[in-house]
Amino acid sequence: MKRPQALEKTIKDAFSVFKSSLGTRRIDKGDHIFLSTHECLGVIQEEFDELKEAIHLNDKQKIQSELLDLLVATFWSLVSLRSKNMHW
């Protein structure tokens, strides 16, 4: 089965939603980095577990919300790592 191509508008819309979610995270939690790769993994794992639960429930709205949470957690882990201020 051939996979359909993502439309440019859909990509832009998804990126806009991500930026909004990232902005909300920064307002809620500030710009403090994760202190270790273990903390990054813990946050990412928690979000991944919540995504799996949403998928098992087949709740598309919850799946989208958890995908965004996972994306933000992964991105913030990258920001934290690139800051070069992680302790370990």
N, C-alpha and C. Protein backbone atom coordinates (compact mmCIF):
# COMPACT_ATOMS: atom_id res chain seq x y z
N MET A 1 0.84 -1.18 0.00
CA MET A 1 0.00 0.00 0.00
C MET A 1 0.89 1.25 0.00
N LYS A 2 0.62 2.13 -0.92
CA LYS A 2 1.40 3.36 -1.04
C LYS A 2 0.96 4.35 0.03
N ARG A 3 1.95 4.96 0.68
CA ARG A 3 1.66 5.95 1.72
C ARG A 3 1.40 7.30 1.08
N PRO A 4 0.34 7.99 1.51
CA PRO A 4 0.09 9.33 0.98
C PRO A 4 1.14 10.31 1.49
N GLN A 5 1.39 11.34 0.74
CA GLN A 5 2.32 12.39 1.11
C GLN A 5 1.65 13.36 2.09
N ALA A 6 2.43 13.84 3.05
CA ALA A 6 1.93 14.87 3.96
C ALA A 6 1.84 16.19 3.19
N LEU A 7 0.77 16.90 3.38
CA LEU A 7 0.60 18.19 2.72
C LEU A 7 1.42 19.25 3.46
N GLU A 8 1.94 20.20 2.74
CA GLU A 8 2.74 21.28 3.33
C GLU A 8 1.95 22.01 4.42
N LYS A 9 0.67 22.24 4.17
CA LYS A 9 -0.18 22.91 5.16
C LYS A 9 -0.25 22.08 6.45
N THR A 10 -0.38 20.78 6.33
CA THR A 10 -0.47 19.91 7.51
C THR A 10 0.84 19.95 8.29
N ILE A 11 1.95 19.95 7.59
CA ILE A 11 3.26 20.03 8.24
C ILE A 11 3.39 21.36 8.98
N LYS A 12 3.03 22.44 8.33
CA LYS A 12 3.10 23.77 8.97
C LYS A 12 2.17 23.86 10.17
N ASP A 13 0.97 23.31 10.03
CA ASP A 13 0.02 23.33 11.14
C ASP A 13 0.56 22.53 12.33
N ALA A 14 1.13 21.37 12.06
CA ALA A 14 1.68 20.54 13.13
C ALA A 14 2.84 21.24 13.82
N PHE A 15 3.69 21.89 13.04
CA PHE A 15 4.82 22.62 13.61
C PHE A 15 4.32 23.78 14.47
N SER A 16 3.29 24.45 14.02
CA SER A 16 2.71 25.55 14.78
C SER A 16 2.15 25.06 16.12
N VAL A 17 1.49 23.91 16.11
CA VAL A 17 0.96 23.33 17.35
C VAL A 17 2.11 22.96 18.28
N PHE A 18 3.20 22.42 17.71
CA PHE A 18 4.38 22.09 18.53
C PHE A 18 4.95 23.34 19.18
N LYS A 19 5.11 24.41 18.40
CA LYS A 19 5.66 25.66 18.95
C LYS A 19 4.78 26.20 20.08
N SER A 20 3.48 26.08 19.91
CA SER A 20 2.56 26.52 20.94
C SER A 20 2.71 25.67 22.21
N SER A 21 2.83 24.36 22.03
CA SER A 21 3.02 23.45 23.18
C SER A 21 4.34 23.73 23.88
N LEU A 22 5.38 24.01 23.11
CA LEU A 22 6.68 24.34 23.69
C LEU A 22 6.58 25.65 24.47
N GLY A 23 5.88 26.62 23.92
CA GLY A 23 5.70 27.89 24.61
C GLY A 23 4.95 27.72 25.92
N THR A 24 3.94 26.89 25.92
CA THR A 24 3.18 26.61 27.14
C THR A 24 4.07 25.96 28.18
N ARG A 25 4.91 25.01 27.75
CA ARG A 25 5.83 24.34 28.67
C ARG A 25 6.78 25.34 29.30
N ARG A 26 7.29 26.26 28.50
CA ARG A 26 8.24 27.25 29.00
C ARG A 26 7.57 28.20 29.99
N ILE A 27 6.32 28.56 29.74
CA ILE A 27 5.58 29.41 30.67
C ILE A 27 5.32 28.65 31.98
N ASP A 28 4.88 27.41 31.85
CA ASP A 28 4.53 26.61 33.03
C ASP A 28 5.73 26.22 33.88
N LYS A 29 6.83 25.84 33.22
CA LYS A 29 7.97 25.26 33.94
C LYS A 29 9.25 26.08 33.86
N GLY A 30 9.23 27.16 33.10
CA GLY A 30 10.44 27.97 32.95
C GLY A 30 11.42 27.33 31.98
N ASP A 31 12.57 27.94 31.88
CA ASP A 31 13.59 27.47 30.94
C ASP A 31 14.69 26.67 31.62
N HIS A 32 14.38 26.11 32.78
CA HIS A 32 15.36 25.29 33.48
C HIS A 32 15.60 24.00 32.71
N ILE A 33 16.88 23.65 32.55
CA ILE A 33 17.22 22.44 31.80
C ILE A 33 17.06 21.21 32.69
N PHE A 34 17.00 20.04 32.05
CA PHE A 34 17.09 18.79 32.77
C PHE A 34 18.54 18.65 33.23
N LEU A 35 18.75 18.08 34.40
CA LEU A 35 20.09 18.04 34.98
C LEU A 35 20.92 16.84 34.56
N SER A 36 20.27 15.82 34.01
CA SER A 36 21.02 14.63 33.63
C SER A 36 20.31 13.91 32.49
N THR A 37 21.06 13.05 31.83
CA THR A 37 20.45 12.24 30.78
C THR A 37 19.43 11.28 31.39
N HIS A 38 19.62 10.89 32.65
CA HIS A 38 18.66 10.02 33.33
C HIS A 38 17.33 10.75 33.53
N GLU A 39 17.40 12.04 33.86
CA GLU A 39 16.17 12.82 34.00
C GLU A 39 15.48 12.93 32.65
N CYS A 40 16.25 13.16 31.60
CA CYS A 40 15.67 13.21 30.24
C CYS A 40 14.93 11.91 29.94
N LEU A 41 15.60 10.81 30.18
CA LEU A 41 15.00 9.51 29.90
C LEU A 41 13.73 9.30 30.71
N GLY A 42 13.76 9.68 31.99
CA GLY A 42 12.58 9.51 32.83
C GLY A 42 11.39 10.29 32.32
N VAL A 43 11.61 11.53 31.93
CA VAL A 43 10.52 12.36 31.42
C VAL A 43 10.01 11.80 30.09
N ILE A 44 10.92 11.45 29.21
CA ILE A 44 10.53 10.88 27.90
C ILE A 44 9.78 9.57 28.09
N GLN A 45 10.26 8.71 28.98
CA GLN A 45 9.61 7.42 29.23
C GLN A 45 8.20 7.61 29.77
N GLU A 46 8.04 8.56 30.68
CA GLU A 46 6.71 8.83 31.23
C GLU A 46 5.75 9.28 30.13
N GLU A 47 6.21 10.17 29.28
CA GLU A 47 5.36 10.64 28.18
C GLU A 47 5.06 9.51 27.19
N PHE A 48 6.04 8.66 26.95
CA PHE A 48 5.85 7.53 26.04
C PHE A 48 4.82 6.56 26.61
N ASP A 49 4.89 6.29 27.90
CA ASP A 49 3.92 5.41 28.55
C ASP A 49 2.50 5.97 28.43
N GLU A 50 2.37 7.28 28.60
CA GLU A 50 1.06 7.92 28.46
C GLU A 50 0.56 7.84 27.02
N LEU A 51 1.48 7.95 26.07
CA LEU A 51 1.10 7.80 24.65
C LEU A 51 0.61 6.39 24.38
N LYS A 52 1.31 5.39 24.90
CA LYS A 52 0.87 4.00 24.70
C LYS A 52 -0.53 3.79 25.25
N GLU A 53 -0.80 4.34 26.42
CA GLU A 53 -2.13 4.20 27.01
C GLU A 53 -3.19 4.85 26.13
N ALA A 54 -2.91 6.04 25.61
CA ALA A 54 -3.86 6.73 24.73
C ALA A 54 -4.10 5.92 23.45
N ILE A 55 -3.05 5.30 22.93
CA ILE A 55 -3.20 4.47 21.72
C ILE A 55 -4.06 3.26 22.02
N HIS A 56 -3.85 2.63 23.16
CA HIS A 56 -4.68 1.47 23.53
C HIS A 56 -6.15 1.86 23.69
N LEU A 57 -6.40 3.08 24.12
CA LEU A 57 -7.78 3.57 24.25
C LEU A 57 -8.35 4.03 22.91
N ASN A 58 -7.47 4.16 21.91
CA ASN A 58 -7.85 4.63 20.58
C ASN A 58 -8.52 6.01 20.63
N ASP A 59 -7.98 6.85 21.52
CA ASP A 59 -8.50 8.21 21.71
C ASP A 59 -7.61 9.17 20.93
N LYS A 60 -8.06 9.54 19.74
CA LYS A 60 -7.22 10.33 18.84
C LYS A 60 -6.83 11.70 19.42
N GLN A 61 -7.74 12.33 20.15
CA GLN A 61 -7.41 13.62 20.76
C GLN A 61 -6.33 13.44 21.82
N LYS A 62 -6.47 12.41 22.64
CA LYS A 62 -5.48 12.13 23.68
C LYS A 62 -4.15 11.71 23.04
N ILE A 63 -4.20 10.95 21.96
CA ILE A 63 -2.97 10.55 21.25
C ILE A 63 -2.23 11.79 20.77
N GLN A 64 -2.95 12.73 20.17
CA GLN A 64 -2.30 13.96 19.70
C GLN A 64 -1.68 14.72 20.87
N SER A 65 -2.39 14.82 21.96
CA SER A 65 -1.88 15.52 23.13
C SER A 65 -0.61 14.85 23.67
N GLU A 66 -0.63 13.54 23.74
CA GLU A 66 0.54 12.81 24.25
C GLU A 66 1.71 12.85 23.27
N LEU A 67 1.43 12.85 21.98
CA LEU A 67 2.50 13.01 20.99
C LEU A 67 3.18 14.37 21.16
N LEU A 68 2.39 15.39 21.38
CA LEU A 68 2.96 16.72 21.61
C LEU A 68 3.79 16.76 22.89
N ASP A 69 3.27 16.14 23.96
CA ASP A 69 4.04 16.09 25.21
C ASP A 69 5.36 15.36 25.01
N LEU A 70 5.33 14.27 24.26
CA LEU A 70 6.55 13.50 23.99
C LEU A 70 7.52 14.32 23.14
N LEU A 71 7.00 15.01 22.15
CA LEU A 71 7.83 15.85 21.29
C LEU A 71 8.49 16.97 22.08
N VAL A 72 7.73 17.62 22.94
CA VAL A 72 8.28 18.70 23.76
C VAL A 72 9.33 18.15 24.72
N ALA A 73 9.06 17.01 25.35
CA ALA A 73 10.03 16.40 26.28
C ALA A 73 11.32 16.02 25.55
N THR A 74 11.19 15.48 24.37
CA THR A 74 12.37 15.10 23.59
C THR A 74 13.15 16.33 23.16
N PHE A 75 12.45 17.33 22.69
CA PHE A 75 13.11 18.58 22.28
C PHE A 75 13.82 19.23 23.47
N TRP A 76 13.14 19.28 24.64
CA TRP A 76 13.75 19.92 25.80
C TRP A 76 14.95 19.12 26.29
N SER A 77 14.92 17.81 26.09
CA SER A 77 16.09 16.99 26.41
C SER A 77 17.27 17.38 25.52
N LEU A 78 17.00 17.62 24.25
CA LEU A 78 18.05 18.06 23.33
C LEU A 78 18.58 19.43 23.73
N VAL A 79 17.68 20.35 24.08
CA VAL A 79 18.10 21.68 24.55
C VAL A 79 19.00 21.52 25.78
N SER A 80 18.59 20.68 26.69
CA SER A 80 19.35 20.47 27.93
C SER A 80 20.74 19.91 27.63
N LEU A 81 20.80 18.92 26.76
CA LEU A 81 22.09 18.31 26.40
C LEU A 81 22.99 19.31 25.71
N ARG A 82 22.43 20.09 24.80
CA ARG A 82 23.23 21.06 24.06
C ARG A 82 23.67 22.25 24.91
N SER A 83 23.04 22.45 26.06
CA SER A 83 23.42 23.55 26.94
C SER A 83 24.78 23.32 27.58
N LYS A 84 25.22 22.07 27.57
CA LYS A 84 26.52 21.67 28.15
C LYS A 84 26.57 21.93 29.66
N ASN A 85 25.41 22.02 30.30
CA ASN A 85 25.37 22.24 31.74
C ASN A 85 24.82 21.05 32.50
N MET A 86 24.64 19.93 31.82
CA MET A 86 24.17 18.74 32.51
C MET A 86 25.26 18.23 33.44
N HIS A 87 24.86 17.74 34.59
CA HIS A 87 25.84 17.23 35.56
C HIS A 87 26.35 15.85 35.18
N TRP A 88 25.50 15.02 34.60
CA TRP A 88 25.89 13.66 34.19
C TRP A 88 24.86 13.10 33.27
